[in-house]
Protein backbone atom coordinates (compact mmCIF):
# COMPACT_ATOMS: atom_id res chain seq x y z
CA MET A 1 8.23 -80.69 75.61
CA LYS A 2 7.77 -78.62 78.38
CA ARG A 3 8.14 -75.02 78.06
CA SER A 4 7.97 -71.99 80.11
CA ARG A 5 8.88 -69.08 78.74
CA ASN A 6 7.66 -64.76 78.15
CA LEU A 7 5.80 -64.14 75.45
CA SER A 8 5.27 -60.81 74.22
CA LYS A 9 2.45 -59.81 72.15
CA PRO A 10 1.69 -62.05 68.75
CA LEU A 11 3.26 -59.79 66.23
CA ALA A 12 2.92 -59.33 62.75
CA THR A 13 4.58 -62.15 60.94
CA LEU A 14 7.21 -61.23 57.51
CA GLY A 15 7.40 -64.59 56.88
CA LEU A 16 11.05 -64.90 55.18
CA GLY A 17 12.28 -60.72 55.53
CA LEU A 18 11.27 -61.20 59.35
CA ALA A 19 10.40 -57.34 60.04
CA ILE A 20 12.89 -58.20 63.17
CA LEU A 21 12.62 -55.10 64.31
CA SER A 22 9.47 -55.14 65.75
CA LEU A 23 10.69 -57.59 68.93
CA THR A 24 10.50 -55.95 71.96
CA ALA A 25 10.91 -57.96 74.69
CA CYS A 26 14.60 -57.90 76.10
CA GLN A 27 14.94 -61.65 77.70
CA THR A 28 16.03 -64.99 75.69
CA ASP A 29 14.18 -68.34 77.49
CA SER A 30 16.53 -71.33 76.65
CA SER A 31 14.73 -74.97 76.84
CA THR A 32 15.80 -78.35 75.92
CA ALA A 33 14.41 -80.81 73.42
CA SER A 34 14.97 -84.33 75.41
CA LEU A 35 16.12 -87.20 73.34
CA ALA A 36 17.54 -89.03 76.24
CA SER A 37 14.62 -91.65 75.63
CA SER A 38 14.98 -91.79 71.66
CA THR A 39 14.89 -95.65 70.73
CA VAL A 40 16.59 -94.98 66.92
CA ASN A 41 19.01 -96.21 65.56
CA ALA A 42 21.46 -94.14 64.76
CA VAL A 43 22.38 -95.42 60.91
CA ASP A 44 18.65 -95.79 60.17
CA GLY A 45 18.32 -92.68 60.99
CA LYS A 46 20.85 -90.85 59.14
CA SER A 47 20.33 -93.17 56.01
CA ALA A 48 16.47 -91.93 56.47
CA ALA A 49 17.98 -87.94 57.17
CA GLU A 50 19.98 -88.30 53.86
CA GLN A 51 17.03 -89.76 51.80
CA LEU A 52 14.79 -86.59 52.93
CA VAL A 53 17.82 -84.29 52.05
CA SER A 54 18.14 -85.45 48.73
CA GLU A 55 14.63 -85.62 47.71
CA ASN A 56 14.54 -81.92 48.25
CA ALA A 57 18.15 -80.99 46.87
CA LYS A 58 16.36 -81.38 43.76
CA PRO A 59 14.83 -79.15 41.69
CA ALA A 60 11.77 -77.36 42.19
CA ALA A 61 8.51 -78.64 41.13
CA PHE A 62 5.03 -75.70 40.20
CA LEU A 63 2.55 -76.86 42.99
CA SER A 64 -1.00 -76.10 41.45
CA PRO A 65 -3.44 -74.70 43.59
CA GLY A 66 -6.25 -75.48 41.28
CA GLU A 67 -8.20 -76.34 38.55
CA ALA A 68 -8.53 -72.54 35.87
CA ILE A 69 -10.63 -69.80 37.21
CA ASP A 70 -12.30 -67.47 34.55
CA ILE A 71 -10.72 -63.71 34.73
CA SER A 72 -11.77 -61.79 32.12
CA GLN A 73 -14.93 -59.62 34.25
CA PHE A 74 -11.71 -58.61 36.37
CA ARG A 75 -9.54 -56.35 34.16
CA GLY A 76 -9.10 -53.36 35.59
CA LYS A 77 -9.52 -53.72 38.96
CA THR A 78 -7.34 -53.00 41.38
CA ILE A 79 -5.93 -55.18 44.66
CA ALA A 80 -4.59 -53.21 47.55
CA ALA A 81 -1.71 -55.09 49.28
CA VAL A 82 -1.24 -53.35 53.10
CA THR A 83 2.30 -54.68 54.12
CA LEU A 84 4.10 -54.01 57.39
CA ASP A 85 6.87 -52.50 55.83
CA ASN A 86 8.02 -52.35 52.40
CA SER A 87 11.32 -51.14 53.41
CA LEU A 88 12.72 -54.71 53.42
CA PRO A 89 14.07 -56.08 49.92
CA PHE A 90 12.11 -59.03 50.21
CA VAL A 91 9.04 -57.67 50.78
CA ARG A 92 9.83 -55.35 47.86
CA ALA A 93 10.61 -58.22 45.74
CA VAL A 94 7.62 -60.05 46.80
CA LEU A 95 5.52 -57.33 45.76
CA ASP A 96 7.63 -56.79 41.96
CA GLY A 97 6.38 -60.38 41.50
CA MET A 98 2.18 -59.30 42.55
CA THR A 99 2.40 -56.88 40.48
CA GLU A 100 4.34 -57.78 37.56
CA ALA A 101 1.40 -61.33 37.91
CA GLY A 102 -1.19 -58.42 38.03
CA GLU A 103 0.14 -56.53 34.90
CA ARG A 104 -0.38 -60.22 33.14
CA ALA A 105 -4.14 -60.84 34.22
CA GLY A 106 -4.77 -57.13 33.36
CA VAL A 107 -5.67 -55.81 37.10
CA LYS A 108 -3.16 -53.19 39.27
CA VAL A 109 -1.54 -53.88 42.71
CA GLU A 110 -1.55 -50.90 44.57
CA VAL A 111 1.00 -51.77 48.06
CA TYR A 112 0.04 -49.66 51.54
CA ASP A 113 3.12 -49.46 53.19
CA ALA A 114 2.16 -50.22 56.99
CA LYS A 115 5.36 -49.29 58.59
CA GLY A 116 5.65 -51.68 60.82
CA SER A 117 2.06 -50.96 62.95
CA THR A 118 -0.93 -52.93 63.08
CA ASP A 119 -3.07 -49.89 63.82
CA THR A 120 -1.41 -47.73 60.84
CA ALA A 121 -2.33 -51.32 58.22
CA ALA A 122 -5.95 -51.28 59.85
CA LYS A 123 -6.67 -48.13 59.17
CA GLN A 124 -5.21 -48.84 55.29
CA VAL A 125 -7.39 -51.67 54.56
CA ASN A 126 -10.25 -49.35 55.46
CA GLN A 127 -8.58 -46.86 53.50
CA ALA A 128 -7.91 -49.32 50.05
CA LEU A 129 -12.25 -50.28 51.12
CA ALA A 130 -12.75 -46.93 51.08
CA ALA A 131 -10.91 -46.42 47.13
CA LYS A 132 -13.39 -49.31 46.47
CA SER A 133 -10.03 -52.35 46.05
CA SER A 134 -11.85 -55.15 44.48
CA ALA A 135 -9.54 -58.01 46.52
CA ILE A 136 -7.61 -56.96 49.86
CA VAL A 137 -4.15 -58.89 50.60
CA ALA A 138 -2.64 -58.74 54.14
CA PHE A 139 1.14 -59.58 53.84
CA GLY A 140 2.70 -60.44 56.80
CA ILE A 141 0.36 -58.87 59.32
CA ASN A 142 -1.74 -61.95 60.81
CA PHE A 143 -5.40 -61.16 60.53
CA ASN A 144 -6.34 -61.14 64.43
CA LEU A 145 -4.02 -57.83 64.78
CA LEU A 146 -6.79 -56.79 62.34
CA PRO A 147 -9.71 -57.64 63.60
CA THR A 148 -12.41 -54.84 63.40
CA ALA A 149 -10.61 -54.42 59.75
CA ILE A 150 -11.13 -57.85 58.58
CA GLU A 151 -14.39 -57.63 59.88
CA SER A 152 -15.43 -54.40 57.99
CA ALA A 153 -13.61 -56.05 54.80
CA ASN A 154 -15.61 -59.13 55.12
CA GLN A 155 -18.73 -57.27 56.10
CA ALA A 156 -18.41 -55.15 52.47
CA GLY A 157 -17.88 -58.52 50.94
CA VAL A 158 -13.75 -57.53 49.54
CA PRO A 159 -11.70 -60.70 50.12
CA VAL A 160 -9.10 -60.61 52.35
CA ILE A 161 -5.29 -63.22 51.50
CA GLY A 162 -3.69 -63.48 53.70
CA ALA A 163 -0.14 -64.37 52.97
CA LEU A 164 3.03 -65.81 54.33
CA ASN A 165 0.54 -65.58 57.82
CA VAL A 166 0.69 -68.70 59.25
CA ASP A 167 1.93 -72.54 58.10
CA ALA A 168 1.28 -73.78 54.62
CA ASN A 169 -0.43 -76.46 56.53
CA ALA A 170 -2.14 -74.97 59.17
CA PRO A 171 -5.63 -73.56 59.31
CA LEU A 172 -6.47 -70.20 57.48
CA GLU A 173 -7.14 -67.24 59.22
CA LYS A 174 -10.43 -66.48 60.78
CA GLY A 175 -11.82 -64.35 57.91
CA ALA A 176 -9.70 -65.52 55.01
CA ALA A 177 -10.74 -65.71 51.99
CA GLY A 178 -7.24 -67.62 51.40
CA GLU A 179 -3.74 -67.99 52.01
CA VAL A 180 -0.07 -68.23 50.94
CA SER A 181 2.63 -69.64 52.86
CA ILE A 182 5.19 -72.09 51.97
CA ASP A 183 6.03 -74.95 54.44
CA TYR A 184 7.62 -73.97 57.71
CA LYS A 185 7.60 -77.01 59.76
CA LYS A 186 9.47 -78.98 56.58
CA SER A 187 12.14 -76.05 55.96
CA GLY A 188 12.77 -77.04 59.64
CA LYS A 189 13.33 -80.43 59.41
CA LEU A 190 14.92 -80.32 56.10
CA LEU A 191 18.05 -78.19 58.42
CA ALA A 192 17.75 -80.68 61.01
CA ALA A 193 18.01 -84.09 58.92
CA TYR A 194 21.02 -82.07 57.44
CA ALA A 195 23.23 -81.60 60.80
CA ILE A 196 21.70 -85.01 61.15
CA ALA A 197 23.16 -86.80 57.64
CA ASN A 198 26.26 -84.49 57.72
CA THR A 199 27.49 -85.47 61.27
CA GLU A 200 30.30 -87.49 62.18
CA GLY A 201 28.81 -89.42 64.94
CA PRO A 202 26.03 -87.31 67.32
CA ALA A 203 24.26 -83.87 66.40
CA HIS A 204 24.10 -81.49 69.18
CA GLY A 205 22.42 -77.80 67.78
CA VAL A 206 20.45 -74.96 69.38
CA VAL A 207 17.98 -73.48 68.01
CA GLN A 208 18.06 -69.94 67.80
CA ASN A 209 14.06 -69.40 67.83
CA LEU A 210 11.79 -66.08 67.39
CA PRO A 211 9.18 -67.79 69.56
CA SER A 212 6.29 -64.33 69.23
CA ILE A 213 6.39 -65.17 65.56
CA GLU A 214 3.94 -67.95 64.57
CA THR A 215 5.27 -68.93 61.20
CA PHE A 216 8.60 -69.64 62.37
CA THR A 217 7.23 -71.28 66.08
CA GLU A 218 6.32 -74.32 63.00
CA MET A 219 10.50 -74.22 61.51
CA ARG A 220 11.15 -74.56 65.59
CA LYS A 221 9.28 -77.38 65.83
CA GLY A 222 9.99 -79.07 62.68
CA ILE A 223 13.33 -78.81 63.95
CA GLU A 224 12.27 -80.17 66.72
CA GLU A 225 10.79 -82.87 64.29
CA GLY A 226 13.45 -83.71 62.86
CA PHE A 227 15.93 -84.51 65.65
CA HIS A 228 13.34 -86.86 66.64
CA GLU A 229 12.33 -88.79 64.13
CA PHE A 230 16.00 -89.35 62.67
CA CYS A 231 18.60 -89.28 65.72
CA SER A 232 19.91 -90.80 68.05
CA SER A 233 19.47 -90.64 72.36
CA GLU A 234 23.35 -89.36 72.21
CA CYS A 235 21.76 -86.39 70.18
CA SER A 236 20.92 -83.58 72.21
CA LEU A 237 18.75 -79.87 71.17
CA GLN A 238 18.64 -77.43 72.87
CA VAL A 239 15.92 -74.15 72.35
CA ASP A 240 17.03 -70.36 73.00
CA ASP A 241 13.92 -67.39 72.58
CA LEU A 242 15.73 -64.76 71.21
CA MET A 243 13.09 -61.51 71.69
CA GLN A 244 15.32 -59.03 71.92
CA SER A 245 14.76 -55.48 69.58
CA ASN A 246 18.39 -54.78 69.19
CA PHE A 247 18.93 -58.83 67.24
CA LYS A 248 22.53 -57.54 66.24
CA THR A 249 23.42 -57.49 69.89
CA ALA A 250 21.56 -60.52 70.99
CA ALA A 251 22.54 -62.82 68.51
CA GLU A 252 26.16 -62.54 68.56
CA THR A 253 25.85 -62.17 72.63
CA LEU A 254 23.85 -65.68 72.41
CA THR A 255 25.83 -67.23 69.84
CA GLY A 256 28.37 -66.17 72.45
CA SER A 257 27.35 -67.66 75.27
CA GLU A 258 25.74 -71.00 73.40
CA ILE A 259 29.62 -72.01 73.08
CA SER A 260 31.03 -71.65 75.94
CA ARG A 261 28.61 -73.56 77.39
CA ASN A 262 27.51 -77.26 75.90
CA PRO A 263 31.11 -78.17 74.32
CA LYS A 264 29.89 -80.44 72.18
CA LEU A 265 27.68 -78.20 70.56
CA ASN A 266 28.32 -78.48 66.30
CA TRP A 267 25.35 -77.35 64.93
CA ILE A 268 23.51 -73.72 65.57
CA PHE A 269 20.05 -73.00 63.77
CA PRO A 270 19.05 -69.35 63.55
CA ALA A 271 15.04 -68.66 62.80
CA ILE A 272 15.61 -66.85 60.07
CA ASP A 273 19.46 -66.08 57.00
CA GLY A 274 19.15 -62.46 58.28
CA ILE A 275 19.85 -63.66 62.44
CA ALA A 276 23.10 -66.12 60.86
CA GLN A 277 24.36 -62.77 58.71
CA PHE A 278 25.36 -61.91 62.90
CA THR A 279 25.54 -65.73 64.33
CA ILE A 280 27.86 -66.87 61.93
CA PRO A 281 30.31 -63.72 62.54
CA ALA A 282 30.43 -64.71 66.15
CA VAL A 283 31.12 -68.61 65.61
CA GLU A 284 34.36 -66.91 63.37
CA LEU A 285 35.58 -65.62 66.14
CA SER A 286 35.53 -68.99 68.99
CA SER A 287 37.71 -70.82 69.03
CA ARG A 288 35.50 -74.00 67.62
CA LYS A 289 34.98 -72.24 64.32
CA ASP A 290 35.73 -75.79 63.11
CA GLN A 291 33.83 -77.38 64.66
CA ILE A 292 30.26 -75.58 64.83
CA ARG A 293 28.22 -75.27 61.24
CA VAL A 294 24.96 -73.14 61.10
CA GLY A 295 22.04 -73.88 58.72
CA SER A 296 19.10 -71.34 58.59
CA ILE A 297 16.25 -69.96 55.55
CA ASN A 298 15.28 -68.00 54.11
CA ALA A 299 18.17 -68.68 50.76
CA VAL A 300 19.38 -65.18 50.52
CA GLU A 301 22.40 -64.10 48.52
CA ALA A 302 24.94 -63.76 51.50
CA ASN A 303 23.13 -66.95 53.56
CA LEU A 304 24.10 -68.42 50.25
CA GLY A 305 27.82 -66.96 49.57
CA PHE A 306 28.90 -68.06 52.93
CA ILE A 307 27.41 -71.51 52.01
CA ARG A 308 30.05 -71.16 48.80
CA ASP A 309 33.17 -69.87 50.39
CA LYS A 310 32.48 -72.49 53.71
CA ARG A 311 32.28 -70.24 55.70
CA ILE A 312 30.37 -71.58 58.57
CA GLN A 313 27.44 -72.13 57.17
CA ALA A 314 26.74 -75.30 55.44
CA VAL A 315 22.31 -75.44 54.31
CA ASP A 316 20.14 -73.48 53.83
CA VAL A 317 16.41 -73.33 53.09
CA GLY A 318 14.27 -71.41 50.56
CA ASN A 319 12.02 -70.26 48.14
CA SER A 320 11.37 -67.97 45.09
CA ASN A 321 9.83 -64.50 46.67
CA ASN A 322 9.06 -63.58 42.87
CA TRP A 323 6.76 -67.36 42.60
CA LEU A 324 5.28 -66.25 46.36
CA GLY A 325 4.48 -63.12 44.44
CA TRP A 326 2.98 -64.76 41.27
CA ALA A 327 0.97 -67.06 43.38
CA MET A 328 -0.40 -64.09 45.87
CA MET A 329 -2.13 -62.79 42.63
CA ASP A 330 -3.22 -66.10 42.21
CA ARG A 331 -5.50 -66.58 45.32
CA THR A 332 -6.41 -63.73 45.00
CA LEU A 333 -7.87 -63.83 41.37
CA ARG A 334 -9.00 -67.10 42.17
CA ALA A 335 -11.19 -65.68 46.18
CA LEU A 336 -12.51 -62.66 42.96
CA SER A 337 -13.71 -65.40 41.35
CA GLY A 338 -15.93 -67.73 43.92
CA ALA A 339 -12.91 -70.25 45.15
CA GLU A 340 -13.30 -72.03 47.98
CA PRO A 341 -11.21 -70.49 49.94
CA ALA A 342 -8.11 -72.20 51.15
CA MET A 343 -4.63 -71.97 51.01
CA SER A 344 -1.63 -71.77 48.22
CA GLU A 345 1.87 -73.83 49.08
CA VAL A 346 4.86 -71.78 47.19
CA PRO A 347 7.91 -75.10 46.85
CA VAL A 348 10.50 -74.86 49.36
CA LYS A 349 14.38 -76.11 48.18
CA LEU A 350 17.52 -76.79 49.95
CA PHE A 351 20.69 -75.59 49.22
CA ASP A 352 24.12 -76.73 50.48
CA ALA A 353 27.64 -76.18 48.72
CA LYS A 354 26.69 -79.43 46.37
CA ASN A 355 23.49 -77.65 44.37
CA ILE A 356 24.88 -74.97 44.28
CA GLU A 357 28.63 -75.32 42.84
CA GLY A 358 29.11 -73.09 39.28
CA LEU A 359 25.34 -71.16 39.92
CA ASP A 360 24.30 -67.62 39.99
CA ILE A 361 23.41 -66.75 43.70
CA SER A 362 22.12 -63.42 42.58
CA SER A 363 19.41 -65.27 40.22
CA GLU A 364 16.46 -67.26 41.61
CA GLU A 365 15.41 -68.77 38.32
CA VAL A 366 19.19 -70.19 37.94
CA LEU A 367 18.33 -71.17 41.78
CA TYR A 368 14.80 -72.18 41.72
CA ASP A 369 15.12 -74.48 38.18
CA ASN A 370 14.14 -72.37 35.99
CA VAL A 371 11.27 -73.96 36.52
CA ASP A 372 7.98 -71.59 34.68
CA TYR A 373 5.65 -70.83 37.17
CA LYS A 374 4.45 -67.65 35.19
CA GLN A 375 3.25 -69.39 32.35
CA GLN A 376 1.73 -71.72 34.70
CA TYR A 377 -0.28 -69.70 36.78
CA ALA A 378 -1.45 -67.41 33.28
CA ASN A 379 -2.79 -70.89 31.51
CA LEU A 380 -5.11 -71.18 34.99
CA TRP A 381 -6.29 -67.30 33.76
CA LYS A 382 -8.56 -67.52 31.46
């Protein structure tokens, strides 16, 4: 598929809780994924989509990061966590998990808040080095935005771990002693599969994309892959690139435009729940609120509430933030122990009205099936 767009400077990724205030461009670009040549049989495609959805709406499972490691020599050490914006509840939840894991392991976590500035983040990496931190986690800050600081850490022999900077299937960033992430591409494919499996007739979708964010590019690719794999030539998929600093106004305006230009539209896929929270009211105000549904990623409480209350959103894909924090601590300890740089993946799960019925949607433990990942990690720390 051929695409044309104007890209701003690559931005630091905040994964599930994107700091969208960093977006600077002020236009929307659009492209169409051609399905006219699709040879997928509609019945067979829907059956395959249903199977994928069923497999990923089941209880979450722990993904082992590797063999047991000896962490005794690291007790009492300090690990620095540099994040782009610690004011976001998502970020604090993840770092609370990392700090909790550090307490179990006997290490201290020192949080550095760059307050939205990659220049400040680079300085904070150097501050962490000056403070003799044993390791550094760059959380939601792509290494290519901090090349000199990362090189300084590498030269000092201090491992730097990336968190939610790239997709779980992507190569490690240059200079990384390890990475932690989720499968963004799979998340997007699951949204597409759900839409196709739960639509009478062909699915006609649009992606409200964040093109400057590497991980969300993978999510968009996943949605496209799902449409190509499961949908017949009667389906259609549009991609609109949302690049405006005022994302609330942008999402609302864009949604209205998408509904007006496509009378067949029945699915909208905002890149994250934070955008969906403004897309949904715009759909509700339209004359086609009964024909259009929404699917996005994060599985935050507000959006799961939309699903429960049957307010436009029908599906969400997310992961446990506390679990992510524990995975970040584990990967850091592995880097300190001299393990080969590798990716640690935190599993995602699909949520719809069926599998959240009767659940406390404010509880990550409940949503992710009370998997005892904390003990699982602790059992690997000797």
